[in-house]
Amino acid sequence: MNWRKWQTIKSKILVSFIVLLIIPMSLIAVINYLKSASILEVKAREQFQYLSEGTNQQFTQYMKNLDTLSMNIVEAPVIQKRLMQPFVPPVEWTTKQIEQESEVKKFLAGIHKLTPGLAGIAVFGYNGIVDYTHPDRNFVAEFDYVQEEWFKKAAARNGSWVLSGRRVEREFSSYQSPGEVEVVTFARVINSLNSLRPMGVLAINMKISEFEAILGIADRERYVVILDEEGRTILSTNGAEDRLRDEGWLQSSSLSPVTGWTSIHLTSKEELFKESKNIRSFIIMLTILLSACAVVLAQLLSSGIVRPLQTLKDKMQQIEKGQFQGEITLVHRDEVGELTQRFNRMMVRMKSLLEENRYREQQKAQLEMDALQARINPHFLYNTLMALRIQAVTDGNRKLGELIASLVHLLKFSAKNKRKMIKLRDELELISQYVKLMQLRNENFDFRLEVEPDLSEHLVFPFLLQPIVENAVFHGIGPLHRRGTIRVTLHKSSGQIVAVVEDDGVGMDRTASRKLLEAGEEAEGGDHYHKIGVRNVYERLKRQFGEAADIQVESRPQAGTKVSVRWPVLKEGDESHEGAAG
């Protein structure tokens, strides 16, 4: 037997179809039933867990609304004033007491209308005064509220609210509605807003019968049980409480950290797994049909896949030998055809990348030579200038020596500085050396530098302000027939550093000042180098900081020029944020 023949992809696909469809399909129905039943149970638990948590969230939101409502009552001036008054028996009431009671009842009645599902609201004052509101019942004077468990818990909490279990609303009764009303009581202590002294307890009764409507389950076939902190039933829909201990019912519960209540959702396992049994029967029938078609489909499919893959294999062997000529002819439009298309594009791209890589290697070598030459030239120049300075000082020409020393400082900084950002004090030193150089050359201007304290350690990129000062010297003060002044001020404003360079030189009109910052425009009057300096600073600012930086130029003919530069405040350690805005 030729084993190599059975190691091909075509043979493997054929055998795989036969094995996977004929042999195990008879077991799939049983396995699928067990697996689907397990998945359905997990999904059902997840879904009911979600429903249970949703129920708790609804209760939680309802209680939060009650919390807000109760605080409106507790802090209401009419309630505070009422509980600070001494107790007066009803038989001794004057018109004033009657009006006060009426005002409180009117206030509580208005609050009662704001929230659905409420029964009665009562304020039990420690001064013996009891005020209440109820839509259809009256307060029972003999009701001993002090002995109620919820009253004691609320008094002990000293401000936090508490919930009672399911109970009968015994504090209210009516001849017209003699039946018992089951409620849950929301209670909290009422403290004086001035002395924080407890003055009474607020009780808000919520109807159990309204909870289904509040939760949105009144008109649905849902089995829900709500238990309080002690495991007592608050609410049970469709007789769900009787099914809690029935193993034929799947249940999922969730505990609310706000109310302490547990929400349990139940569903019948028989109904849940009914569809799974139908799926099992369907798969058995499908197995018989698929087994009959397996061999034919495997033969056709394997042939269609293997042929173009063999072509790809042959082409890859050619590429391994460095032969990139000739594309594979596209035959199929399926996934294999798409793979062939991508392979053709990859082959073209690889050829292009190889040529590009060779070109970049040549460019890299040239750039390395240029970089070495660029580093040699400045050192040679400032070393030569230092020799000239020593000779000038030796010959007694100190002015020339200082001129050369300032120039050497500028050249040395330009050659040695490798950082993208420098401290502001270094930039100001560059400006000072440059101005000193210019004043030694031409003494017809004064220079003033005013810097706000604590700015010297802030960061800025090199040669930010020097080109602007240079323009002020040559193009602002230079054409003057009198002595001029250049003033540089720096201060911090709204998280930015603001530098202003002003001169009282010849100035320019609005069109010329606008074109200073426009790319691709020639400055008027042949002043192109003047424009390049400012434009260069502007482009570096925008590239470095984006919209967080800006330059503004203000100028008028014969009235001087003012250039304002803004950029974000940066200190040591903030360099990682450089260029983020751009």
Protein backbone atom coordinates (compact mmCIF):
# COMPACT_ATOMS: atom_id res chain seq x y z
CA MET A 1 0.00 0.00 0.00
CA ASN A 2 1.28 3.46 -0.94
CA TRP A 3 1.21 5.34 2.39
CA ARG A 4 2.47 8.59 0.81
CA LYS A 5 -0.76 8.79 -1.20
CA TRP A 6 -2.79 8.80 2.01
CA GLN A 7 -0.65 11.61 3.46
CA THR A 8 -1.89 14.17 0.91
CA ILE A 9 -4.45 16.85 1.83
CA LYS A 10 -6.99 15.39 -0.57
CA SER A 11 -6.86 11.97 1.10
CA LYS A 12 -6.97 13.50 4.57
CA ILE A 13 -10.08 15.54 3.73
CA LEU A 14 -11.83 12.50 2.29
CA VAL A 15 -11.04 10.32 5.29
CA SER A 16 -11.95 13.10 7.72
CA PHE A 17 -15.40 13.51 6.16
CA ILE A 18 -16.08 9.81 6.38
CA VAL A 19 -14.90 9.49 9.97
CA LEU A 20 -16.52 12.69 11.23
CA LEU A 21 -19.89 12.18 9.56
CA ILE A 22 -20.51 8.43 9.54
CA ILE A 23 -19.04 7.19 12.81
CA PRO A 24 -19.61 9.91 15.46
CA MET A 25 -22.86 11.37 14.12
CA SER A 26 -24.77 8.53 15.75
CA LEU A 27 -23.47 9.75 19.11
CA ILE A 28 -23.99 13.45 18.45
CA ALA A 29 -27.72 13.34 19.09
CA VAL A 30 -27.25 12.00 22.63
CA ILE A 31 -24.27 14.24 23.39
CA ASN A 32 -26.03 17.26 21.94
CA TYR A 33 -29.11 16.62 24.06
CA LEU A 34 -27.03 16.45 27.24
CA LYS A 35 -24.91 19.41 26.20
CA SER A 36 -27.83 21.54 25.05
CA ALA A 37 -29.68 20.77 28.27
CA SER A 38 -26.63 21.88 30.23
CA ILE A 39 -26.22 25.02 28.12
CA LEU A 40 -29.89 25.85 28.35
CA GLU A 41 -29.71 25.51 32.12
CA VAL A 42 -26.63 27.75 32.30
CA LYS A 43 -28.16 30.32 29.96
CA ALA A 44 -31.44 30.17 31.85
CA ARG A 45 -29.59 30.72 35.10
CA GLU A 46 -27.72 33.64 33.56
CA GLN A 47 -30.92 35.14 32.18
CA PHE A 48 -32.82 34.72 35.43
CA GLN A 49 -29.82 36.01 37.34
CA TYR A 50 -30.03 39.09 35.13
CA LEU A 51 -33.78 39.32 35.78
CA SER A 52 -33.19 38.85 39.50
CA GLU A 53 -30.56 41.59 39.55
CA GLY A 54 -32.88 43.78 37.48
CA THR A 55 -35.64 43.25 40.05
CA ASN A 56 -33.26 44.25 42.82
CA GLN A 57 -32.19 47.30 40.83
CA GLN A 58 -35.83 48.31 40.45
CA PHE A 59 -36.35 47.91 44.20
CA THR A 60 -33.12 49.76 44.86
CA GLN A 61 -34.16 52.65 42.61
CA TYR A 62 -37.60 52.71 44.23
CA MET A 63 -35.98 52.84 47.68
CA LYS A 64 -33.60 55.59 46.55
CA ASN A 65 -36.61 57.58 45.39
CA LEU A 66 -38.24 56.97 48.78
CA ASP A 67 -34.99 58.06 50.44
CA THR A 68 -35.08 61.35 48.53
CA LEU A 69 -38.79 61.72 49.25
CA SER A 70 -38.29 61.04 52.96
CA MET A 71 -35.47 63.60 53.18
CA ASN A 72 -37.83 66.19 51.69
CA ILE A 73 -40.25 65.39 54.51
CA VAL A 74 -37.60 65.23 57.26
CA GLU A 75 -36.02 68.54 56.28
CA ALA A 76 -39.30 70.35 55.53
CA PRO A 77 -39.67 73.49 57.70
CA VAL A 78 -43.31 72.64 58.43
CA ILE A 79 -42.29 69.24 59.89
CA GLN A 80 -39.29 70.62 61.78
CA LYS A 81 -41.43 73.37 63.30
CA ARG A 82 -44.20 70.92 64.18
CA LEU A 83 -41.94 68.53 66.10
CA MET A 84 -40.29 71.32 68.11
CA GLN A 85 -43.64 72.42 69.61
CA PRO A 86 -44.88 71.13 72.96
CA PHE A 87 -47.71 68.59 72.96
CA VAL A 88 -51.23 70.01 73.34
CA PRO A 89 -54.21 67.63 73.80
CA PRO A 90 -56.72 67.84 70.93
CA VAL A 91 -59.47 69.04 73.33
CA GLU A 92 -57.35 72.11 74.10
CA TRP A 93 -56.50 72.98 70.51
CA THR A 94 -56.91 76.54 69.40
CA THR A 95 -57.32 77.77 65.87
CA LYS A 96 -53.52 77.89 65.61
CA GLN A 97 -53.09 74.15 66.39
CA ILE A 98 -55.86 73.26 63.95
CA GLU A 99 -54.24 75.30 61.19
CA GLN A 100 -50.83 73.77 61.91
CA GLU A 101 -52.22 70.23 61.74
CA SER A 102 -54.05 71.07 58.52
CA GLU A 103 -50.87 72.52 57.00
CA VAL A 104 -48.86 69.38 57.84
CA LYS A 105 -51.56 67.05 56.48
CA LYS A 106 -51.76 69.08 53.29
CA PHE A 107 -47.98 68.86 52.92
CA LEU A 108 -47.92 65.08 53.52
CA ALA A 109 -50.85 64.57 51.13
CA GLY A 110 -48.90 66.42 48.42
CA ILE A 111 -45.85 64.22 49.04
CA HIS A 112 -48.06 61.10 48.95
CA LYS A 113 -49.10 61.82 45.37
CA LEU A 114 -45.49 61.91 44.11
CA THR A 115 -44.75 58.18 44.46
CA PRO A 116 -46.96 55.27 43.30
CA GLY A 117 -47.63 52.29 45.55
CA LEU A 118 -47.81 54.18 48.87
CA ALA A 119 -50.41 53.45 51.55
CA GLY A 120 -50.03 55.80 54.51
CA ILE A 121 -47.39 58.29 55.65
CA ALA A 122 -47.05 59.07 59.37
CA VAL A 123 -44.79 61.30 61.46
CA PHE A 124 -44.46 60.08 65.07
CA GLY A 125 -43.01 62.92 67.14
CA TYR A 126 -41.19 62.31 70.38
CA ASN A 127 -43.24 65.25 71.69
CA GLY A 128 -46.38 63.08 71.37
CA ILE A 129 -47.67 64.70 68.15
CA VAL A 130 -48.69 62.30 65.38
CA ASP A 131 -49.35 63.64 61.87
CA TYR A 132 -50.35 61.41 58.97
CA THR A 133 -51.92 61.13 55.55
CA HIS A 134 -53.79 58.20 54.04
CA PRO A 135 -55.99 58.10 50.92
CA ASP A 136 -58.91 56.24 52.53
CA ARG A 137 -58.14 55.43 56.19
CA ASN A 138 -57.75 57.17 59.54
CA PHE A 139 -55.10 56.81 62.21
CA VAL A 140 -55.81 54.47 65.14
CA ALA A 141 -55.16 56.50 68.28
CA GLU A 142 -54.56 53.37 70.40
CA PHE A 143 -51.79 52.13 68.12
CA ASP A 144 -48.60 51.67 70.19
CA TYR A 145 -46.05 52.52 67.56
CA VAL A 146 -43.20 52.63 70.09
CA GLN A 147 -43.32 48.83 70.41
CA GLU A 148 -43.09 48.24 66.67
CA GLU A 149 -39.84 46.58 65.54
CA TRP A 150 -39.33 48.96 62.63
CA PHE A 151 -39.78 51.94 65.01
CA LYS A 152 -37.07 50.61 67.34
CA LYS A 153 -34.66 49.90 64.47
CA ALA A 154 -35.17 53.36 62.98
CA ALA A 155 -34.60 55.02 66.36
CA ALA A 156 -31.39 53.03 66.81
CA ARG A 157 -30.06 53.99 63.35
CA ASN A 158 -30.24 57.72 64.18
CA GLY A 159 -30.84 58.88 60.63
CA SER A 160 -30.36 55.91 58.27
CA TRP A 161 -33.50 54.36 56.87
CA VAL A 162 -34.73 50.85 57.67
CA LEU A 163 -37.28 48.48 56.13
CA SER A 164 -39.77 46.33 57.99
CA GLY A 165 -40.85 42.89 56.84
CA ARG A 166 -44.28 42.19 55.39
CA ARG A 167 -46.85 43.34 57.97
CA VAL A 168 -50.47 44.46 58.40
CA GLU A 169 -51.06 48.22 58.43
CA ARG A 170 -52.68 48.22 61.87
CA GLU A 171 -52.09 51.93 62.54
CA PHE A 172 -54.81 52.85 60.01
CA SER A 173 -58.42 51.60 59.81
CA SER A 174 -61.68 52.42 58.03
CA TYR A 175 -65.30 51.32 58.32
CA GLN A 176 -65.72 51.57 54.57
CA SER A 177 -62.63 49.37 53.92
CA PRO A 178 -62.50 46.93 56.86
CA GLY A 179 -60.08 44.51 55.13
CA GLU A 180 -56.44 44.26 56.18
CA VAL A 181 -53.82 45.98 54.04
CA GLU A 182 -50.37 44.35 53.90
CA VAL A 183 -47.46 46.76 53.66
CA VAL A 184 -43.71 47.17 54.05
CA THR A 185 -42.69 50.18 56.16
CA PHE A 186 -39.83 52.51 55.21
CA ALA A 187 -38.77 54.36 58.41
CA ARG A 188 -36.09 56.81 59.55
CA VAL A 189 -35.42 59.16 62.46
CA ILE A 190 -36.20 62.87 62.07
CA ASN A 191 -33.34 64.97 63.48
CA SER A 192 -33.44 68.68 64.22
CA LEU A 193 -31.61 70.58 61.50
CA ASN A 194 -30.25 72.97 64.13
CA SER A 195 -29.26 70.76 67.06
CA LEU A 196 -29.26 67.36 65.25
CA ARG A 197 -31.34 66.11 68.19
CA PRO A 198 -33.77 63.25 67.33
CA MET A 199 -37.34 64.60 67.31
CA GLY A 200 -39.37 61.71 65.93
CA VAL A 201 -39.68 58.90 63.37
CA LEU A 202 -41.04 59.09 59.82
CA ALA A 203 -42.88 55.99 58.55
CA ILE A 204 -43.87 55.45 54.90
CA ASN A 205 -46.00 52.36 54.18
CA MET A 206 -45.71 50.69 50.75
CA LYS A 207 -48.52 48.41 49.56
CA ILE A 208 -47.49 44.82 48.86
CA SER A 209 -50.26 44.63 46.27
CA GLU A 210 -48.59 47.43 44.29
CA PHE A 211 -45.12 45.84 44.16
CA GLU A 212 -45.95 43.69 41.12
CA ALA A 213 -46.94 46.80 39.19
CA ILE A 214 -43.82 48.64 40.40
CA LEU A 215 -41.62 45.79 39.18
CA GLY A 216 -43.46 45.46 35.87
CA ILE A 217 -44.38 41.79 36.42
CA ALA A 218 -48.09 42.20 37.05
CA ASP A 219 -49.12 41.19 33.53
CA ARG A 220 -46.43 38.56 32.82
CA GLU A 221 -46.25 34.83 33.53
CA ARG A 222 -43.21 35.18 35.74
CA TYR A 223 -42.55 33.25 38.91
CA VAL A 224 -40.90 35.61 41.36
CA VAL A 225 -40.35 35.44 45.13
CA ILE A 226 -39.01 38.38 47.18
CA LEU A 227 -37.62 37.59 50.65
CA ASP A 228 -36.62 40.09 53.34
CA GLU A 229 -33.40 40.03 55.38
CA GLU A 230 -34.78 37.35 57.71
CA GLY A 231 -35.99 35.09 54.88
CA ARG A 232 -39.65 35.99 55.22
CA THR A 233 -41.72 36.34 52.07
CA ILE A 234 -42.42 39.88 50.90
CA LEU A 235 -43.93 39.01 47.51
CA SER A 236 -44.76 35.81 45.57
CA THR A 237 -46.27 35.78 42.05
CA ASN A 238 -48.23 32.89 40.50
CA GLY A 239 -47.71 30.69 43.57
CA ALA A 240 -43.92 30.73 43.13
CA GLU A 241 -43.32 30.39 46.90
CA ASP A 242 -44.76 26.85 46.81
CA ARG A 243 -42.18 25.84 44.15
CA LEU A 244 -39.05 26.97 46.02
CA ARG A 245 -38.37 23.41 47.28
CA ASP A 246 -39.46 21.63 44.08
CA GLU A 247 -36.43 20.12 42.24
CA GLY A 248 -38.36 20.31 38.97
CA TRP A 249 -38.03 24.08 39.02
CA LEU A 250 -34.83 26.00 38.22
CA GLN A 251 -34.24 29.05 40.38
CA SER A 252 -31.80 31.96 40.41
CA SER A 253 -31.43 34.51 43.20
CA SER A 254 -29.76 37.84 43.82
CA LEU A 255 -29.21 39.75 47.06
CA SER A 256 -29.61 43.54 47.06
CA PRO A 257 -26.90 45.27 49.13
CA VAL A 258 -29.18 48.30 49.53
CA THR A 259 -32.45 46.75 50.73
CA GLY A 260 -31.06 43.44 52.03
CA TRP A 261 -33.85 41.66 50.13
CA THR A 262 -33.36 38.55 48.01
CA SER A 263 -35.02 38.31 44.59
CA ILE A 264 -35.65 34.73 43.32
CA HIS A 265 -36.83 33.91 39.77
CA LEU A 266 -38.07 30.38 38.94
CA THR A 267 -38.81 28.45 35.74
CA SER A 268 -39.99 24.91 34.99
CA LYS A 269 -37.22 22.56 33.83
CA GLU A 270 -39.72 20.55 31.78
CA GLU A 271 -40.62 23.60 29.69
CA LEU A 272 -36.99 24.68 29.52
CA PHE A 273 -35.70 21.38 28.05
CA LYS A 274 -38.61 20.74 25.68
CA GLU A 275 -36.80 22.29 22.71
CA SER A 276 -33.64 20.32 23.50
CA LYS A 277 -35.50 17.03 23.03
CA ASN A 278 -36.79 18.20 19.65
CA ILE A 279 -33.24 19.08 18.62
CA ARG A 280 -32.06 15.55 19.54
CA SER A 281 -34.66 13.93 17.24
CA PHE A 282 -33.84 16.30 14.43
CA ILE A 283 -30.10 15.54 14.59
CA ILE A 284 -30.71 11.78 14.35
CA MET A 285 -32.63 12.24 11.09
CA LEU A 286 -30.04 14.67 9.80
CA THR A 287 -27.22 12.21 10.52
CA ILE A 288 -28.68 9.65 8.14
CA LEU A 289 -28.99 12.16 5.30
CA LEU A 290 -25.53 13.70 5.77
CA SER A 291 -23.83 10.32 5.92
CA ALA A 292 -25.16 9.48 2.44
CA CYS A 293 -23.76 12.68 0.95
CA ALA A 294 -20.44 12.68 2.81
CA VAL A 295 -18.31 10.68 0.39
CA VAL A 296 -19.42 12.58 -2.75
CA LEU A 297 -19.03 16.00 -1.19
CA ALA A 298 -15.64 15.12 0.30
CA GLN A 299 -14.32 14.07 -3.10
CA LEU A 300 -15.50 17.24 -4.84
CA LEU A 301 -14.40 19.58 -2.07
CA SER A 302 -10.94 18.10 -1.62
CA SER A 303 -10.21 18.32 -5.34
CA GLY A 304 -11.29 21.98 -5.51
CA ILE A 305 -9.12 22.96 -2.55
CA VAL A 306 -5.96 20.98 -3.23
CA ARG A 307 -5.36 22.04 -6.86
CA PRO A 308 -4.87 25.80 -6.28
CA LEU A 309 -2.97 25.08 -3.07
CA GLN A 310 -0.51 22.94 -5.01
CA THR A 311 -0.01 25.85 -7.40
CA LEU A 312 0.71 28.15 -4.45
CA LYS A 313 3.20 25.65 -3.07
CA ASP A 314 5.12 25.51 -6.38
CA LYS A 315 5.25 29.33 -6.56
CA MET A 316 6.53 29.61 -2.98
CA GLN A 317 9.40 27.26 -3.86
CA GLN A 318 10.32 29.60 -6.72
CA ILE A 319 10.27 32.62 -4.38
CA GLU A 320 12.61 30.77 -1.99
CA LYS A 321 15.10 30.69 -4.88
CA GLY A 322 14.65 34.47 -5.44
CA GLN A 323 12.45 34.19 -8.55
CA PHE A 324 9.69 36.83 -8.36
CA GLN A 325 8.66 36.82 -12.03
CA GLY A 326 5.17 35.79 -13.14
CA GLU A 327 1.90 35.88 -11.20
CA ILE A 328 -0.41 32.95 -10.47
CA THR A 329 -3.45 32.88 -12.75
CA LEU A 330 -6.65 33.39 -10.77
CA VAL A 331 -9.09 30.48 -11.35
CA HIS A 332 -11.43 30.43 -8.34
CA ARG A 333 -13.35 33.31 -6.73
CA ASP A 334 -13.68 31.66 -3.34
CA GLU A 335 -11.42 31.95 -0.28
CA VAL A 336 -8.62 30.09 -2.08
CA GLY A 337 -8.93 32.54 -4.96
CA GLU A 338 -8.71 35.45 -2.53
CA LEU A 339 -5.62 33.83 -0.99
CA THR A 340 -4.09 33.58 -4.47
CA GLN A 341 -4.84 37.27 -5.11
CA ARG A 342 -3.23 38.28 -1.84
CA PHE A 343 -0.23 36.09 -2.56
CA ASN A 344 0.26 37.84 -5.93
CA ARG A 345 0.08 41.25 -4.24
CA MET A 346 2.45 40.06 -1.52
CA MET A 347 4.95 38.90 -4.13
CA VAL A 348 4.87 42.28 -5.88
CA ARG A 349 5.18 44.05 -2.55
CA MET A 350 8.14 41.90 -1.50
CA LYS A 351 9.94 42.73 -4.72
CA SER A 352 9.24 46.43 -4.20
CA LEU A 353 10.38 46.26 -0.56
CA LEU A 354 13.65 44.60 -1.52
CA GLU A 355 14.38 47.38 -4.03
CA GLU A 356 13.32 50.03 -1.51
CA ASN A 357 15.51 48.45 1.17
CA ARG A 358 18.55 48.59 -1.11
CA TYR A 359 17.84 52.26 -1.83
CA ARG A 360 17.42 53.09 1.87
CA GLU A 361 20.69 51.37 2.73
CA GLN A 362 22.43 53.63 0.24
CA GLN A 363 20.64 56.68 1.67
CA LYS A 364 21.54 55.63 5.23
CA ALA A 365 25.22 55.42 4.37
CA GLN A 366 25.09 58.88 2.76
CA LEU A 367 23.25 60.38 5.76
CA GLU A 368 25.81 58.93 8.16
CA MET A 369 28.58 60.60 6.16
CA ASP A 370 26.65 63.89 6.12
CA ALA A 371 26.06 63.68 9.86
CA LEU A 372 29.77 63.12 10.55
CA GLN A 373 30.67 66.05 8.32
CA ALA A 374 28.02 68.27 9.99
CA ARG A 375 29.50 67.51 13.41
CA ILE A 376 33.07 68.26 12.24
CA ASN A 377 32.33 71.64 10.62
CA PRO A 378 30.89 73.51 13.69
CA HIS A 379 33.67 72.26 15.98
CA PHE A 380 36.32 73.33 13.53
CA LEU A 381 34.62 76.73 13.19
CA TYR A 382 34.22 77.57 16.89
CA ASN A 383 37.73 76.23 17.71
CA THR A 384 39.13 78.55 15.05
CA LEU A 385 37.07 81.47 16.42
CA MET A 386 38.35 80.79 19.96
CA ALA A 387 41.92 81.08 18.63
CA LEU A 388 40.98 84.41 16.98
CA ARG A 389 39.44 85.64 20.25
CA ILE A 390 42.61 84.85 22.21
CA GLN A 391 44.65 86.68 19.61
CA ALA A 392 42.29 89.70 19.69
CA VAL A 393 42.50 89.94 23.50
CA THR A 394 46.27 89.53 23.32
CA ASP A 395 46.41 92.44 20.84
CA GLY A 396 44.27 94.58 23.17
CA ASN A 397 41.07 94.52 21.09
CA ARG A 398 38.68 93.45 23.87
CA LYS A 399 35.54 94.46 21.94
CA LEU A 400 36.45 92.11 19.13
CA GLY A 401 37.26 89.42 21.69
CA GLU A 402 33.83 89.75 23.33
CA LEU A 403 32.20 89.69 19.92
CA ILE A 404 33.95 86.42 19.06
CA ALA A 405 33.20 84.94 22.53
CA SER A 406 29.45 85.53 22.09
CA LEU A 407 29.54 83.99 18.63
CA VAL A 408 31.45 80.95 19.96
CA HIS A 409 28.80 80.48 22.68
CA LEU A 410 26.05 80.38 20.07
CA LEU A 411 27.93 78.01 17.79
CA LYS A 412 28.92 75.69 20.65
CA PHE A 413 25.30 75.40 21.83
CA SER A 414 24.10 74.72 18.28
CA ALA A 415 26.73 72.01 17.78
CA LYS A 416 26.52 70.23 21.14
CA ASN A 417 22.83 70.42 22.03
CA LYS A 418 21.08 67.14 21.19
CA ARG A 419 17.91 67.60 23.23
CA LYS A 420 14.56 68.43 21.70
CA MET A 421 13.65 70.52 24.75
CA ILE A 422 15.87 72.83 26.83
CA LYS A 423 15.30 74.93 29.92
CA LEU A 424 14.03 78.45 29.40
CA ARG A 425 17.08 79.89 31.14
CA ASP A 426 19.29 78.35 28.40
CA GLU A 427 17.13 79.91 25.69
CA LEU A 428 17.31 83.30 27.44
CA GLU A 429 21.10 82.94 27.69
CA LEU A 430 21.21 82.35 23.91
CA ILE A 431 19.17 85.54 23.39
CA SER A 432 21.41 87.53 25.75
CA GLN A 433 24.56 86.35 23.98
CA TYR A 434 23.02 87.10 20.59
CA VAL A 435 21.91 90.61 21.65
CA LYS A 436 25.35 91.24 23.12
CA LEU A 437 26.82 90.20 19.78
CA MET A 438 24.50 92.53 17.87
CA GLN A 439 25.09 95.48 20.24
CA LEU A 440 28.84 95.13 19.82
CA ARG A 441 28.25 95.28 16.08
CA ASN A 442 25.61 98.03 16.17
CA GLU A 443 24.90 100.10 19.27
CA ASN A 444 21.80 101.94 18.03
CA PHE A 445 19.31 99.94 20.18
CA ASP A 446 18.60 99.08 23.82
CA PHE A 447 17.53 95.62 24.99
CA ARG A 448 15.29 94.81 27.97
CA LEU A 449 14.49 91.36 29.31
CA GLU A 450 11.71 90.90 31.90
CA VAL A 451 10.99 87.36 33.12
CA GLU A 452 8.39 86.34 35.68
CA PRO A 453 9.97 84.52 38.66
CA ASP A 454 10.17 80.69 38.66
CA LEU A 455 10.00 80.38 34.84
CA SER A 456 13.67 79.60 34.26
CA GLU A 457 13.24 75.82 34.89
CA HIS A 458 10.35 75.43 32.41
CA LEU A 459 11.02 73.69 29.08
CA VAL A 460 10.99 75.03 25.54
CA PHE A 461 12.54 73.85 22.29
CA PRO A 462 15.87 75.53 21.27
CA PHE A 463 15.93 78.75 19.21
CA LEU A 464 12.27 79.57 19.82
CA LEU A 465 12.67 83.28 20.60
CA GLN A 466 16.11 84.03 19.09
CA PRO A 467 14.87 84.18 15.44
CA ILE A 468 12.11 86.61 16.49
CA VAL A 469 14.61 88.84 18.33
CA GLU A 470 16.89 88.64 15.27
CA ASN A 471 14.07 89.87 13.03
CA ALA A 472 13.43 92.74 15.45
CA VAL A 473 17.11 93.76 15.26
CA PHE A 474 17.52 93.63 11.49
CA HIS A 475 14.05 94.43 10.17
CA GLY A 476 12.52 96.49 12.96
CA ILE A 477 15.38 98.57 14.37
CA GLY A 478 17.86 98.26 11.46
CA PRO A 479 16.12 100.65 9.02
CA LEU A 480 15.56 103.31 11.76
CA HIS A 481 17.43 106.61 11.72
CA ARG A 482 17.26 106.83 15.49
CA ARG A 483 17.99 104.70 18.53
CA GLY A 484 15.43 101.96 19.14
CA THR A 485 14.36 99.57 21.89
CA ILE A 486 13.67 95.83 21.91
CA ARG A 487 11.77 94.46 24.90
CA VAL A 488 11.23 90.78 25.71
CA THR A 489 8.78 89.82 28.47
CA LEU A 490 7.78 86.35 29.68
CA HIS A 491 4.97 85.37 32.05
CA LYS A 492 2.62 82.48 32.81
CA SER A 493 -1.09 82.64 31.96
CA SER A 494 -3.83 79.94 32.10
CA GLY A 495 -1.41 76.98 32.00
CA GLN A 496 0.71 78.55 29.23
CA ILE A 497 3.92 80.53 28.97
CA VAL A 498 3.50 83.79 27.05
CA ALA A 499 6.56 85.44 25.51
CA VAL A 500 6.20 88.91 23.92
CA VAL A 501 8.92 90.42 21.70
CA GLU A 502 8.29 94.14 21.03
CA ASP A 503 10.25 96.74 19.12
CA ASP A 504 9.57 100.39 18.31
CA GLY A 505 10.98 100.06 14.82
CA VAL A 506 9.61 100.74 11.35
CA GLY A 507 6.77 98.18 11.61
CA MET A 508 4.73 96.91 8.64
CA ASP A 509 1.23 97.02 7.26
CA ARG A 510 -1.48 94.43 8.02
CA THR A 511 -0.97 92.50 4.77
CA ALA A 512 2.75 92.04 5.37
CA SER A 513 2.28 90.96 9.00
CA ARG A 514 -0.41 88.45 7.97
CA LYS A 515 1.83 86.88 5.33
CA LEU A 516 4.58 86.28 7.89
CA LEU A 517 2.79 83.11 9.09
CA GLU A 518 1.38 81.92 5.76
CA ALA A 519 3.07 79.01 4.03
CA GLY A 520 4.03 79.29 0.40
CA GLU A 521 3.82 83.12 0.26
CA GLU A 522 6.69 85.50 -0.49
CA ALA A 523 7.07 88.43 1.88
CA GLU A 524 6.79 91.84 0.33
CA GLY A 525 9.82 94.04 -0.28
CA GLY A 526 12.20 91.11 -0.81
CA ASP A 527 12.06 90.35 2.92
CA HIS A 528 12.01 86.59 2.49
CA TYR A 529 14.59 85.71 5.14
CA HIS A 530 12.65 87.81 7.64
CA LYS A 531 9.55 85.72 6.93
CA ILE A 532 11.38 82.37 7.03
CA GLY A 533 12.56 82.94 10.62
CA VAL A 534 9.08 83.62 11.98
CA ARG A 535 7.44 80.94 9.83
CA ASN A 536 10.03 78.37 10.97
CA VAL A 537 9.23 79.08 14.62
CA TYR A 538 5.49 78.90 13.88
CA GLU A 539 5.76 75.53 12.12
CA ARG A 540 7.90 74.04 14.90
CA LEU A 541 5.40 75.25 17.51
CA LYS A 542 2.46 73.67 15.67
CA ARG A 543 4.33 70.42 15.08
CA GLN A 544 5.37 70.23 18.73
CA PHE A 545 2.18 71.35 20.51
CA GLY A 546 -0.62 71.53 17.91
CA GLU A 547 -3.50 73.84 18.77
CA ALA A 548 -2.09 74.36 22.28
CA ALA A 549 0.50 76.83 20.90
CA ASP A 550 0.22 79.91 18.70
CA ILE A 551 1.98 83.03 17.40
CA GLN A 552 0.30 86.39 16.86
CA VAL A 553 1.86 89.36 15.04
CA GLU A 554 0.66 92.92 15.61
CA SER A 555 2.28 95.75 13.65
CA ARG A 556 1.63 99.10 12.01
CA PRO A 557 3.90 101.19 9.79
CA GLN A 558 6.22 103.44 11.87
CA ALA A 559 4.61 102.11 15.10
CA GLY A 560 6.75 99.05 15.79
CA THR A 561 5.99 95.31 15.86
CA LYS A 562 4.74 93.02 18.64
CA VAL A 563 5.08 89.23 18.34
CA SER A 564 3.30 87.13 21.01
CA VAL A 565 4.22 83.45 21.40
CA ARG A 566 2.23 80.97 23.54
CA TRP A 567 3.05 77.37 24.38
CA PRO A 568 2.06 74.91 27.16
CA VAL A 569 3.85 74.84 30.49
CA LEU A 570 6.32 71.93 30.59
CA LYS A 571 8.78 70.96 33.31
CA GLU A 572 11.42 68.26 33.71
CA GLY A 573 9.71 64.87 33.39
CA ASP A 574 7.02 66.18 31.03
CA GLU A 575 9.05 65.45 27.89
CA SER A 576 7.02 62.27 27.36
CA HIS A 577 4.11 64.52 26.40
CA GLU A 578 6.05 66.28 23.66
CA GLY A 579 4.31 66.22 20.32
CA ALA A 580 1.10 64.75 21.81
CA ALA A 581 -0.93 67.67 20.59
CA GLY A 582 0.39 67.40 17.09
